[in-house]
PDB file of N, CA and C in Angstrom:
ATOM      1  N   UNK A   1     117.715 136.900 131.425  1.00  0.00           N
ATOM      2  CA  UNK A   1     118.467 135.711 131.125  1.00  0.00           C
ATOM      3  C   UNK A   1     118.350 134.384 131.805  1.00  0.00           C
ATOM      4  N   UNK A   2     117.765 134.693 132.702  1.00  0.00           N
ATOM      5  CA  UNK A   2     116.382 133.209 133.193  1.00  0.00           C
ATOM      6  C   UNK A   2     115.606 133.460 132.606  1.00  0.00           C
ATOM      7  N   UNK A   3     115.074 133.974 131.893  1.00  0.00           N
ATOM      8  CA  UNK A   3     113.689 134.552 131.072  1.00  0.00           C
ATOM      9  C   UNK A   3     113.650 132.584 129.615  1.00  0.00           C
ATOM     10  N   UNK A   4     115.525 133.141 129.574  1.00  0.00           N
ATOM     11  CA  UNK A   4     115.640 131.562 128.570  1.00  0.00           C
ATOM     12  C   UNK A   4     115.235 130.978 128.975  1.00  0.00           C
ATOM     13  N   UNK A   5     115.740 130.577 130.538  1.00  0.00           N
ATOM     14  CA  UNK A   5     116.006 128.870 130.880  1.00  0.00           C
ATOM     15  C   UNK A   5     114.149 128.744 131.362  1.00  0.00           C
ATOM     16  N   UNK A   6     113.134 129.584 131.366  1.00  0.00           N
ATOM     17  CA  UNK A   6     111.711 128.995 131.974  1.00  0.00           C
ATOM     18  C   UNK A   6     110.918 128.411 130.346  1.00  0.00           C
ATOM     19  N   UNK A   7     111.888 128.836 129.788  1.00  0.00           N
ATOM     20  CA  UNK A   7     111.372 128.694 127.807  1.00  0.00           C
ATOM     21  C   UNK A   7     111.198 127.086 128.025  1.00  0.00           C
ATOM     22  N   UNK A   8     110.144 126.733 127.945  1.00  0.00           N
ATOM     23  CA  UNK A   8     110.094 125.211 127.805  1.00  0.00           C
ATOM     24  C   UNK A   8     110.624 124.361 126.663  1.00  0.00           C
ATOM     25  N   UNK A   9     110.983 125.294 125.425  1.00  0.00           N
ATOM     26  CA  UNK A   9     111.814 123.907 124.426  1.00  0.00           C
ATOM     27  C   UNK A   9     112.831 124.206 124.881  1.00  0.00           C
ATOM     28  N   UNK A  10     113.345 125.912 125.440  1.00  0.00           N
ATOM     29  CA  UNK A  10     114.917 125.630 126.397  1.00  0.00           C
ATOM     30  C   UNK A  10     115.319 124.460 126.887  1.00  0.00           C
ATOM     31  N   UNK A  11     114.766 123.775 127.843  1.00  0.00           N
ATOM     32  CA  UNK A  11     114.390 123.466 128.717  1.00  0.00           C
ATOM     33  C   UNK A  11     114.165 121.915 128.508  1.00  0.00           C
ATOM     34  N   UNK A  12     113.182 121.991 127.818  1.00  0.00           N
ATOM     35  CA  UNK A  12     113.185 120.332 127.056  1.00  0.00           C
ATOM     36  C   UNK A  12     113.366 120.254 125.762  1.00  0.00           C
ATOM     37  N   UNK A  13     113.454 120.698 124.774  1.00  0.00           N
ATOM     38  CA  UNK A  13     113.757 120.328 123.693  1.00  0.00           C
ATOM     39  C   UNK A  13     114.821 120.340 122.359  1.00  0.00           C
ATOM     40  N   UNK A  14     115.154 121.120 123.133  1.00  0.00           N
ATOM     41  CA  UNK A  14     116.626 121.524 123.122  1.00  0.00           C
ATOM     42  C   UNK A  14     117.589 120.481 123.597  1.00  0.00           C
ATOM     43  N   UNK A  15     117.934 119.894 124.513  1.00  0.00           N
ATOM     44  CA  UNK A  15     118.584 118.865 124.725  1.00  0.00           C
ATOM     45  C   UNK A  15     117.952 117.057 124.378  1.00  0.00           C
ATOM     46  N   UNK A  16     117.190 117.689 123.787  1.00  0.00           N
ATOM     47  CA  UNK A  16     116.245 116.261 123.438  1.00  0.00           C
ATOM     48  C   UNK A  16     116.565 115.982 122.118  1.00  0.00           C
ATOM     49  N   UNK A  17     116.954 117.470 121.227  1.00  0.00           N
ATOM     50  CA  UNK A  17     117.081 117.838 119.755  1.00  0.00           C
ATOM     51  C   UNK A  17     118.531 117.152 119.708  1.00  0.00           C
ATOM     52  N   UNK A  18     119.782 117.579 120.706  1.00  0.00           N
ATOM     53  CA  UNK A  18     120.830 117.549 120.511  1.00  0.00           C
ATOM     54  C   UNK A  18     121.114 116.257 121.019  1.00  0.00           C
ATOM     55  N   UNK A  19     119.902 115.596 122.201  1.00  0.00           N
ATOM     56  CA  UNK A  19     120.439 113.723 122.446  1.00  0.00           C
ATOM     57  C   UNK A  19     120.528 112.730 120.152  1.00  0.00           C
ATOM     58  N   UNK A  20     119.032 113.747 119.977  1.00  0.00           N
ATOM     59  CA  UNK A  20     119.228 112.841 118.926  1.00  0.00           C
ATOM     60  C   UNK A  20     119.417 113.133 117.877  1.00  0.00           C
ATOM     61  N   UNK A  21     120.562 114.532 117.153  1.00  0.00           N
ATOM     62  CA  UNK A  21     121.015 114.563 116.264  1.00  0.00           C
ATOM     63  C   UNK A  21     122.745 114.519 116.634  1.00  0.00           C
ATOM     64  N   UNK A  22     122.814 114.763 117.931  1.00  0.00           N
ATOM     65  CA  UNK A  22     124.419 114.451 117.978  1.00  0.00           C
ATOM     66  C   UNK A  22     124.865 112.686 119.147  1.00  0.00           C
ATOM     67  N   UNK A  23     123.531 111.582 118.789  1.00  0.00           N
ATOM     68  CA  UNK A  23     123.698 110.392 119.429  1.00  0.00           C
ATOM     69  C   UNK A  23     124.587 109.546 118.443  1.00  0.00           C
ATOM     70  N   UNK A  24     123.392 109.596 117.088  1.00  0.00           N
ATOM     71  CA  UNK A  24     124.957 108.592 115.575  1.00  0.00           C
ATOM     72  C   UNK A  24     126.579 108.815 116.190  1.00  0.00           C
ATOM     73  N   UNK A  25     127.183 110.306 115.713  1.00  0.00           N
ATOM     74  CA  UNK A  25     128.318 110.591 116.046  1.00  0.00           C
ATOM     75  C   UNK A  25     128.953 110.364 117.267  1.00  0.00           C
ATOM     76  N   UNK A  26     128.216 110.472 118.182  1.00  0.00           N
ATOM     77  CA  UNK A  26     129.058 109.405 119.919  1.00  0.00           C
ATOM     78  C   UNK A  26     129.027 108.597 119.238  1.00  0.00           C
ATOM     79  N   UNK A  27     127.500 107.435 119.036  1.00  0.00           N
ATOM     80  CA  UNK A  27     127.721 106.054 119.042  1.00  0.00           C
ATOM     81  C   UNK A  27     128.512 105.187 118.274  1.00  0.00           C
ATOM     82  N   UNK A  28     129.090 106.005 116.901  1.00  0.00           N
ATOM     83  CA  UNK A  28     130.337 105.470 116.051  1.00  0.00           C
ATOM     84  C   UNK A  28     131.320 105.304 116.904  1.00  0.00           C
ATOM     85  N   UNK A  29     132.327 106.491 117.656  1.00  0.00           N
ATOM     86  CA  UNK A  29     133.334 105.541 118.528  1.00  0.00           C
ATOM     87  C   UNK A  29     132.944 103.831 118.293  1.00  0.00           C
ATOM     88  N   UNK A  30     132.289 103.819 119.437  1.00  0.00           N
ATOM     89  CA  UNK A  30     131.922 102.616 119.744  1.00  0.00           C
ATOM     90  C   UNK A  30     131.416 101.905 118.957  1.00  0.00           C
ATOM     91  N   UNK A  31     131.104 101.787 117.630  1.00  0.00           N
ATOM     92  CA  UNK A  31     130.534 100.330 116.600  1.00  0.00           C
ATOM     93  C   UNK A  31     132.237 100.762 116.196  1.00  0.00           C
ATOM     94  N   UNK A  32     133.345 101.590 115.837  1.00  0.00           N
ATOM     95  CA  UNK A  32     134.005 101.124 115.406  1.00  0.00           C
ATOM     96  C   UNK A  32     134.853 100.604 116.161  1.00  0.00           C
ATOM     97  N   UNK A  33     134.856 100.228 117.311  1.00  0.00           N
ATOM     98  CA  UNK A  33     135.541  99.775 118.015  1.00  0.00           C
ATOM     99  C   UNK A  33     135.456  97.766 117.802  1.00  0.00           C
ATOM    100  N   UNK A  34     134.432  97.645 117.386  1.00  0.00           N
ATOM    101  CA  UNK A  34     133.600  96.375 117.193  1.00  0.00           C
ATOM    102  C   UNK A  34     135.159  95.779 115.897  1.00  0.00           C
ATOM    103  N   UNK A  35     134.901  96.511 115.063  1.00  0.00           N
ATOM    104  CA  UNK A  35     135.422  96.013 113.180  1.00  0.00           C
ATOM    105  C   UNK A  35     136.886  96.471 113.888  1.00  0.00           C
ATOM    106  N   UNK A  36     137.339  97.610 115.261  1.00  0.00           N
ATOM    107  CA  UNK A  36     139.532  97.486 115.276  1.00  0.00           C
ATOM    108  C   UNK A  36     139.107  96.533 115.676  1.00  0.00           C
ATOM    109  N   UNK A  37     138.921  95.756 116.864  1.00  0.00           N
ATOM    110  CA  UNK A  37     139.309  94.581 117.822  1.00  0.00           C
ATOM    111  C   UNK A  37     138.693  93.459 117.220  1.00  0.00           C
ATOM    112  N   UNK A  38     138.459  93.720 116.540  1.00  0.00           N
ATOM    113  CA  UNK A  38     137.764  92.350 115.522  1.00  0.00           C
ATOM    114  C   UNK A  38     139.141  90.584 115.846  1.00  0.00           C
ATOM    115  N   UNK A  39     138.896  89.720 115.624  1.00  0.00           N
ATOM    116  CA  UNK A  39     140.099  89.044 115.693  1.00  0.00           C
ATOM    117  C   UNK A  39     140.291  88.946 114.487  1.00  0.00           C
ATOM    118  N   UNK A  40     141.190  88.737 113.583  1.00  0.00           N
ATOM    119  CA  UNK A  40     141.962  88.827 112.027  1.00  0.00           C
ATOM    120  C   UNK A  40     142.923  87.792 111.529  1.00  0.00           C
ATOM    121  N   UNK A  41     142.780  87.316 110.863  1.00  0.00           N
ATOM    122  CA  UNK A  41     144.082  86.065 110.951  1.00  0.00           C
ATOM    123  C   UNK A  41     144.652  85.848 109.555  1.00  0.00           C
ATOM    124  N   UNK A  42     145.916  86.384 109.787  1.00  0.00           N
ATOM    125  CA  UNK A  42     146.464  86.800 108.058  1.00  0.00           C
ATOM    126  C   UNK A  42     146.205  85.250 107.683  1.00  0.00           C
ATOM    127  N   UNK A  43     146.057  85.236 106.328  1.00  0.00           N
ATOM    128  CA  UNK A  43     146.528  83.955 105.272  1.00  0.00           C
ATOM    129  C   UNK A  43     147.386  83.110 104.882  1.00  0.00           C
ATOM    130  N   UNK A  44     147.774  82.318 105.034  1.00  0.00           N
ATOM    131  CA  UNK A  44     149.237  81.819 105.231  1.00  0.00           C
ATOM    132  C   UNK A  44     149.519  81.648 103.645  1.00  0.00           C
ATOM    133  N   UNK A  45     150.606  81.920 102.609  1.00  0.00           N
ATOM    134  CA  UNK A  45     150.979  82.654 101.402  1.00  0.00           C
ATOM    135  C   UNK A  45     150.630  80.946 100.409  1.00  0.00           C
ATOM    136  N   UNK A  46     150.190  79.937 100.632  1.00  0.00           N
ATOM    137  CA  UNK A  46     148.893  79.165 100.410  1.00  0.00           C
ATOM    138  C   UNK A  46     147.961  79.422  99.545  1.00  0.00           C
ATOM    139  N   UNK A  47     147.208  79.443 101.002  1.00  0.00           N
ATOM    140  CA  UNK A  47     146.006  79.672 101.466  1.00  0.00           C
ATOM    141  C   UNK A  47     145.766  80.774  99.859  1.00  0.00           C
ATOM    142  N   UNK A  48     146.265  81.924  99.807  1.00  0.00           N
ATOM    143  CA  UNK A  48     146.308  83.063  99.381  1.00  0.00           C
ATOM    144  C   UNK A  48     146.201  82.396  98.019  1.00  0.00           C
ATOM    145  N   UNK A  49     146.936  81.813  97.563  1.00  0.00           N
ATOM    146  CA  UNK A  49     146.905  81.505  96.417  1.00  0.00           C
ATOM    147  C   UNK A  49     145.739  80.598  95.712  1.00  0.00           C
ATOM    148  N   UNK A  50     145.279  79.506  96.826  1.00  0.00           N
ATOM    149  CA  UNK A  50     144.568  79.082  96.322  1.00  0.00           C
ATOM    150  C   UNK A  50     142.945  80.192  96.566  1.00  0.00           C
ATOM    151  N   UNK A  51     143.019  80.846  97.108  1.00  0.00           N
ATOM    152  CA  UNK A  51     141.835  82.002  96.747  1.00  0.00           C
ATOM    153  C   UNK A  51     142.032  82.753  95.755  1.00  0.00           C
ATOM    154  N   UNK A  52     143.093  83.055  95.355  1.00  0.00           N
ATOM    155  CA  UNK A  52     143.585  83.661  94.063  1.00  0.00           C
ATOM    156  C   UNK A  52     143.181  82.815  92.278  1.00  0.00           C
ATOM    157  N   UNK A  53     143.656  81.201  93.003  1.00  0.00           N
ATOM    158  CA  UNK A  53     143.667  80.359  91.766  1.00  0.00           C
ATOM    159  C   UNK A  53     141.350  79.886  90.957  1.00  0.00           C
ATOM    160  N   UNK A  54     140.732  80.505  92.533  1.00  0.00           N
ATOM    161  CA  UNK A  54     139.548  80.186  92.097  1.00  0.00           C
ATOM    162  C   UNK A  54     138.616  81.115  91.725  1.00  0.00           C
ATOM    163  N   UNK A  55     139.523  82.483  92.439  1.00  0.00           N
ATOM    164  CA  UNK A  55     139.365  83.208  92.013  1.00  0.00           C
ATOM    165  C   UNK A  55     139.210  83.493  89.826  1.00  0.00           C
ATOM    166  N   UNK A  56     140.373  83.292  89.352  1.00  0.00           N
ATOM    167  CA  UNK A  56     140.586  83.548  88.144  1.00  0.00           C
ATOM    168  C   UNK A  56     139.661  82.311  87.502  1.00  0.00           C
ATOM    169  N   UNK A  57     139.576  80.738  88.063  1.00  0.00           N
ATOM    170  CA  UNK A  57     138.680  79.840  87.538  1.00  0.00           C
ATOM    171  C   UNK A  57     137.232  80.638  87.376  1.00  0.00           C
ATOM    172  N   UNK A  58     136.772  81.295  88.242  1.00  0.00           N
ATOM    173  CA  UNK A  58     135.624  81.735  88.455  1.00  0.00           C
ATOM    174  C   UNK A  58     135.770  82.615  87.079  1.00  0.00           C
ATOM    175  N   UNK A  59     136.763  83.277  87.330  1.00  0.00           N
ATOM    176  CA  UNK A  59     136.447  84.062  86.163  1.00  0.00           C
ATOM    177  C   UNK A  59     136.268  83.427  84.574  1.00  0.00           C
ATOM    178  N   UNK A  60     137.541  83.019  84.402  1.00  0.00           N
ATOM    179  CA  UNK A  60     137.072  82.254  83.227  1.00  0.00           C
ATOM    180  C   UNK A  60     135.681  81.429  82.724  1.00  0.00           C
ATOM    181  N   UNK A  61     134.923  81.330  83.617  1.00  0.00           N
ATOM    182  CA  UNK A  61     133.621  80.324  83.550  1.00  0.00           C
ATOM    183  C   UNK A  61     134.501  78.584  84.031  1.00  0.00           C
ATOM    184  N   UNK A  62     135.097  78.581  84.889  1.00  0.00           N
ATOM    185  CA  UNK A  62     136.005  76.873  84.937  1.00  0.00           C
ATOM    186  C   UNK A  62     134.839  76.560  85.843  1.00  0.00           C
ATOM    187  N   UNK A  63     133.869  74.876  86.024  1.00  0.00           N
ATOM    188  CA  UNK A  63     133.949  74.629  86.629  1.00  0.00           C
ATOM    189  C   UNK A  63     134.498  74.094  88.140  1.00  0.00           C
ATOM    190  N   UNK A  64     134.952  74.380  89.416  1.00  0.00           N
ATOM    191  CA  UNK A  64     135.634  74.236  90.699  1.00  0.00           C
ATOM    192  C   UNK A  64     136.281  72.416  90.365  1.00  0.00           C
ATOM    193  N   UNK A  65     134.446  72.021  90.653  1.00  0.00           N
ATOM    194  CA  UNK A  65     134.724  71.416  91.239  1.00  0.00           C
ATOM    195  C   UNK A  65     133.380  69.913  90.585  1.00  0.00           C
ATOM    196  N   UNK A  66     134.395  69.001  89.352  1.00  0.00           N
ATOM    197  CA  UNK A  66     133.463  68.203  88.580  1.00  0.00           C
ATOM    198  C   UNK A  66     132.278  67.431  89.443  1.00  0.00           C
ATOM    199  N   UNK A  67     132.696  66.880  90.229  1.00  0.00           N
ATOM    200  CA  UNK A  67     131.931  65.714  91.514  1.00  0.00           C
ATOM    201  C   UNK A  67     130.686  66.369  92.120  1.00  0.00           C
ATOM    202  N   UNK A  68     131.203  67.355  92.992  1.00  0.00           N
ATOM    203  CA  UNK A  68     129.837  68.704  93.524  1.00  0.00           C
ATOM    204  C   UNK A  68     129.418  68.566  92.334  1.00  0.00           C
ATOM    205  N   UNK A  69     128.715  69.103  91.150  1.00  0.00           N
ATOM    206  CA  UNK A  69     128.169  69.590  90.255  1.00  0.00           C
ATOM    207  C   UNK A  69     126.922  68.476  89.613  1.00  0.00           C
ATOM    208  N   UNK A  70     128.212  66.964  89.875  1.00  0.00           N
ATOM    209  CA  UNK A  70     127.320  65.312  89.337  1.00  0.00           C
ATOM    210  C   UNK A  70     126.436  65.388  90.844  1.00  0.00           C
ATOM    211  N   UNK A  71     126.777  65.195  92.190  1.00  0.00           N
ATOM    212  CA  UNK A  71     125.905  65.448  93.263  1.00  0.00           C
ATOM    213  C   UNK A  71     124.465  66.202  92.806  1.00  0.00           C
ATOM    214  N   UNK A  72     125.243  67.405  92.204  1.00  0.00           N
ATOM    215  CA  UNK A  72     123.804  68.578  93.344  1.00  0.00           C
ATOM    216  C   UNK A  72     123.119  67.679  91.695  1.00  0.00           C
ATOM    217  N   UNK A  73     123.428  67.333  90.665  1.00  0.00           N
ATOM    218  CA  UNK A  73     122.711  67.109  89.072  1.00  0.00           C
ATOM    219  C   UNK A  73     121.890  66.126  89.536  1.00  0.00           C
ATOM    220  N   UNK A  74     122.231  65.201  90.393  1.00  0.00           N
ATOM    221  CA  UNK A  74     122.067  63.449  91.045  1.00  0.00           C
ATOM    222  C   UNK A  74     120.677  63.712  91.823  1.00  0.00           C
ATOM    223  N   UNK A  75     121.112  65.513  92.628  1.00  0.00           N
ATOM    224  CA  UNK A  75     119.574  65.213  93.620  1.00  0.00           C
ATOM    225  C   UNK A  75     118.854  65.887  93.079  1.00  0.00           C
ATOM    226  N   UNK A  76     118.901  66.721  92.000  1.00  0.00           N
ATOM    227  CA  UNK A  76     117.700  67.131  91.327  1.00  0.00           C
ATOM    228  C   UNK A  76     117.003  65.964  90.625  1.00  0.00           C
ATOM    229  N   UNK A  77     117.648  65.068  90.026  1.00  0.00           N
ATOM    230  CA  UNK A  77     117.436  64.462  89.318  1.00  0.00           C
ATOM    231  C   UNK A  77     116.226  63.006  90.109  1.00  0.00           C
ATOM    232  N   UNK A  78     116.748  62.581  91.408  1.00  0.00           N
ATOM    233  CA  UNK A  78     115.879  62.150  92.125  1.00  0.00           C
ATOM    234  C   UNK A  78     114.826  63.455  93.117  1.00  0.00           C
ATOM    235  N   UNK A  79     114.602  64.176  93.149  1.00  0.00           N
ATOM    236  CA  UNK A  79     114.051  65.005  93.657  1.00  0.00           C
ATOM    237  C   UNK A  79     112.371  64.875  92.492  1.00  0.00           C
ATOM    238  N   UNK A  80     113.343  64.902  91.480  1.00  0.00           N
ATOM    239  CA  UNK A  80     112.280  65.210  90.211  1.00  0.00           C
ATOM    240  C   UNK A  80     111.515  64.154  90.281  1.00  0.00           C
ATOM    241  N   UNK A  81     111.711  62.094  90.445  1.00  0.00           N
ATOM    242  CA  UNK A  81     111.011  61.296  90.338  1.00  0.00           C
ATOM    243  C   UNK A  81     109.950  61.201  91.518  1.00  0.00           C
ATOM    244  N   UNK A  82     111.401  61.592  92.561  1.00  0.00           N
ATOM    245  CA  UNK A  82     109.642  61.298  93.869  1.00  0.00           C
ATOM    246  C   UNK A  82     109.084  63.062  93.523  1.00  0.00           C
ATOM    247  N   UNK A  83     108.900  63.861  93.010  1.00  0.00           N
ATOM    248  CA  UNK A  83     107.918  65.216  93.427  1.00  0.00           C
ATOM    249  C   UNK A  83     106.445  64.633  92.711  1.00  0.00           C
ATOM    250  N   UNK A  84     105.302  64.782  93.929  1.00  0.00           N
ATOM    251  CA  UNK A  84     104.412  65.150  93.398  1.00  0.00           C
ATOM    252  C   UNK A  84     102.725  66.272  93.371  1.00  0.00           C
ATOM    253  N   UNK A  85     102.255  66.538  92.730  1.00  0.00           N
ATOM    254  CA  UNK A  85     101.688  67.626  93.456  1.00  0.00           C
ATOM    255  C   UNK A  85     101.117  67.835  93.734  1.00  0.00           C
ATOM    256  N   UNK A  86     100.299  67.914  94.967  1.00  0.00           N
ATOM    257  CA  UNK A  86      98.771  67.887  95.861  1.00  0.00           C
ATOM    258  C   UNK A  86      98.493  69.004  96.084  1.00  0.00           C
ATOM    259  N   UNK A  87      97.555  69.065  95.974  1.00  0.00           N
ATOM    260  CA  UNK A  87      96.785  70.544  96.534  1.00  0.00           C
ATOM    261  C   UNK A  87      96.094  70.504  97.452  1.00  0.00           C
ATOM    262  N   UNK A  88      95.936  71.689  98.019  1.00  0.00           N
ATOM    263  CA  UNK A  88      95.192  72.040  99.391  1.00  0.00           C
ATOM    264  C   UNK A  88      93.989  71.639  99.021  1.00  0.00           C
ATOM    265  N   UNK A  89      92.722  72.203  99.810  1.00  0.00           N
ATOM    266  CA  UNK A  89      91.292  72.417  99.369  1.00  0.00           C
ATOM    267  C   UNK A  89      91.507  72.998  99.344  1.00  0.00           C
ATOM    268  N   UNK A  90      90.531  74.001  98.650  1.00  0.00           N
ATOM    269  CA  UNK A  90      89.196  75.593  98.225  1.00  0.00           C
ATOM    270  C   UNK A  90      88.841  75.399  99.498  1.00  0.00           C
ATOM    271  N   UNK A  91      88.469  76.703 100.280  1.00  0.00           N
ATOM    272  CA  UNK A  91      87.988  76.796 101.204  1.00  0.00           C
ATOM    273  C   UNK A  91      86.312  76.612 100.956  1.00  0.00           C
ATOM    274  N   UNK A  92      85.687  76.394  99.820  1.00  0.00           N
ATOM    275  CA  UNK A  92      84.308  75.544  99.679  1.00  0.00           C
ATOM    276  C   UNK A  92      84.516  74.478  99.048  1.00  0.00           C
ATOM    277  N   UNK A  93      85.491  73.633  99.437  1.00  0.00           N
ATOM    278  CA  UNK A  93      85.681  72.645  99.691  1.00  0.00           C
ATOM    279  C   UNK A  93      85.498  71.679 100.330  1.00  0.00           C
ATOM    280  N   UNK A  94      85.093  69.563 100.611  1.00  0.00           N
ATOM    281  CA  UNK A  94      85.387  69.899 101.087  1.00  0.00           C
ATOM    282  C   UNK A  94      86.515  68.799 101.713  1.00  0.00           C
ATOM    283  N   UNK A  95      87.301  68.828 102.230  1.00  0.00           N
ATOM    284  CA  UNK A  95      88.779  68.287 102.697  1.00  0.00           C
ATOM    285  C   UNK A  95      88.943  66.323 102.846  1.00  0.00           C
ATOM    286  N   UNK A  96      87.881  66.296 103.910  1.00  0.00           N
ATOM    287  CA  UNK A  96      88.416  64.935 104.037  1.00  0.00           C
ATOM    288  C   UNK A  96      87.847  63.928 102.394  1.00  0.00           C
ATOM    289  N   UNK A  97      86.902  64.649 101.510  1.00  0.00           N
ATOM    290  CA  UNK A  97      86.975  64.283 100.656  1.00  0.00           C
ATOM    291  C   UNK A  97      88.425  63.737  98.848  1.00  0.00           C
ATOM    292  N   UNK A  98      88.208  65.903  99.497  1.00  0.00           N
ATOM    293  CA  UNK A  98      89.173  65.427  98.256  1.00  0.00           C
ATOM    294  C   UNK A  98      90.863  64.896  98.701  1.00  0.00           C
ATOM    295  N   UNK A  99      90.649  64.358 100.088  1.00  0.00           N
ATOM    296  CA  UNK A  99      91.992  63.461 100.554  1.00  0.00           C
ATOM    297  C   UNK A  99      91.790  61.936 100.599  1.00  0.00           C
ATOM    298  N   UNK A 100      90.237  61.801 100.365  1.00  0.00           N
ATOM    299  CA  UNK A 100      89.892  60.297  99.815  1.00  0.00           C
ATOM    300  C   UNK A 100      90.254  60.536  98.085  1.00  0.00           C
ATOM    301  N   UNK A 101      90.578  61.307  97.560  1.00  0.00           N
ATOM    302  CA  UNK A 101      90.663  60.899  96.245  1.00  0.00           C
ATOM    303  C   UNK A 101      91.680  60.960  95.731  1.00  0.00           C
ATOM    304  N   UNK A 102      92.382  61.928  96.689  1.00  0.00           N
ATOM    305  CA  UNK A 102      94.091  61.897  96.525  1.00  0.00           C
ATOM    306  C   UNK A 102      95.005  60.704  96.996  1.00  0.00           C
ATOM    307  N   UNK A 103      94.216  60.121  97.874  1.00  0.00           N
ATOM    308  CA  UNK A 103      94.496  58.664  98.019  1.00  0.00           C
ATOM    309  C   UNK A 103      94.491  57.190  97.136  1.00  0.00           C
ATOM    310  N   UNK A 104      92.973  57.775  96.178  1.00  0.00           N
ATOM    311  CA  UNK A 104      92.877  56.230  96.144  1.00  0.00           C
ATOM    312  C   UNK A 104      93.735  56.795  94.535  1.00  0.00           C
ATOM    313  N   UNK A 105      93.811  57.634  94.129  1.00  0.00           N
ATOM    314  CA  UNK A 105      94.585  57.708  93.085  1.00  0.00           C
ATOM    315  C   UNK A 105      96.062  57.954  92.670  1.00  0.00           C
ATOM    316  N   UNK A 106      96.058  58.088  94.414  1.00  0.00           N
ATOM    317  CA  UNK A 106      98.110  57.816  94.315  1.00  0.00           C
ATOM    318  C   UNK A 106      98.571  55.987  94.708  1.00  0.00           C
ATOM    319  N   UNK A 107      97.616  55.914  94.905  1.00  0.00           N
ATOM    320  CA  UNK A 107      97.449  54.021  95.318  1.00  0.00           C
ATOM    321  C   UNK A 107      97.191  52.744  93.752  1.00  0.00           C
TER     322      UNK A 107
END
């Protein structure tokens, strides 16, 4: 019986294997606590109806807010007007020369 405990694997390897294999099973209980005791709030009847209406509208492809879409479209157009393609220098190019070229072309 003592020869079993003098084996290096039994003294060091087996506890390590048990720890590596058993740790996920043990830790799942601690991870479950995070979800069990999370602060959940019940939705009111009005909130639930509103969520259902939004879901139905999305399924049917109806835009929910025309004003939001209009604002996004205007922002895209404004960004297109102000946009300018500026290229950085290649490793073999002189960066000062390229900057002066870009400054003179933008003026």
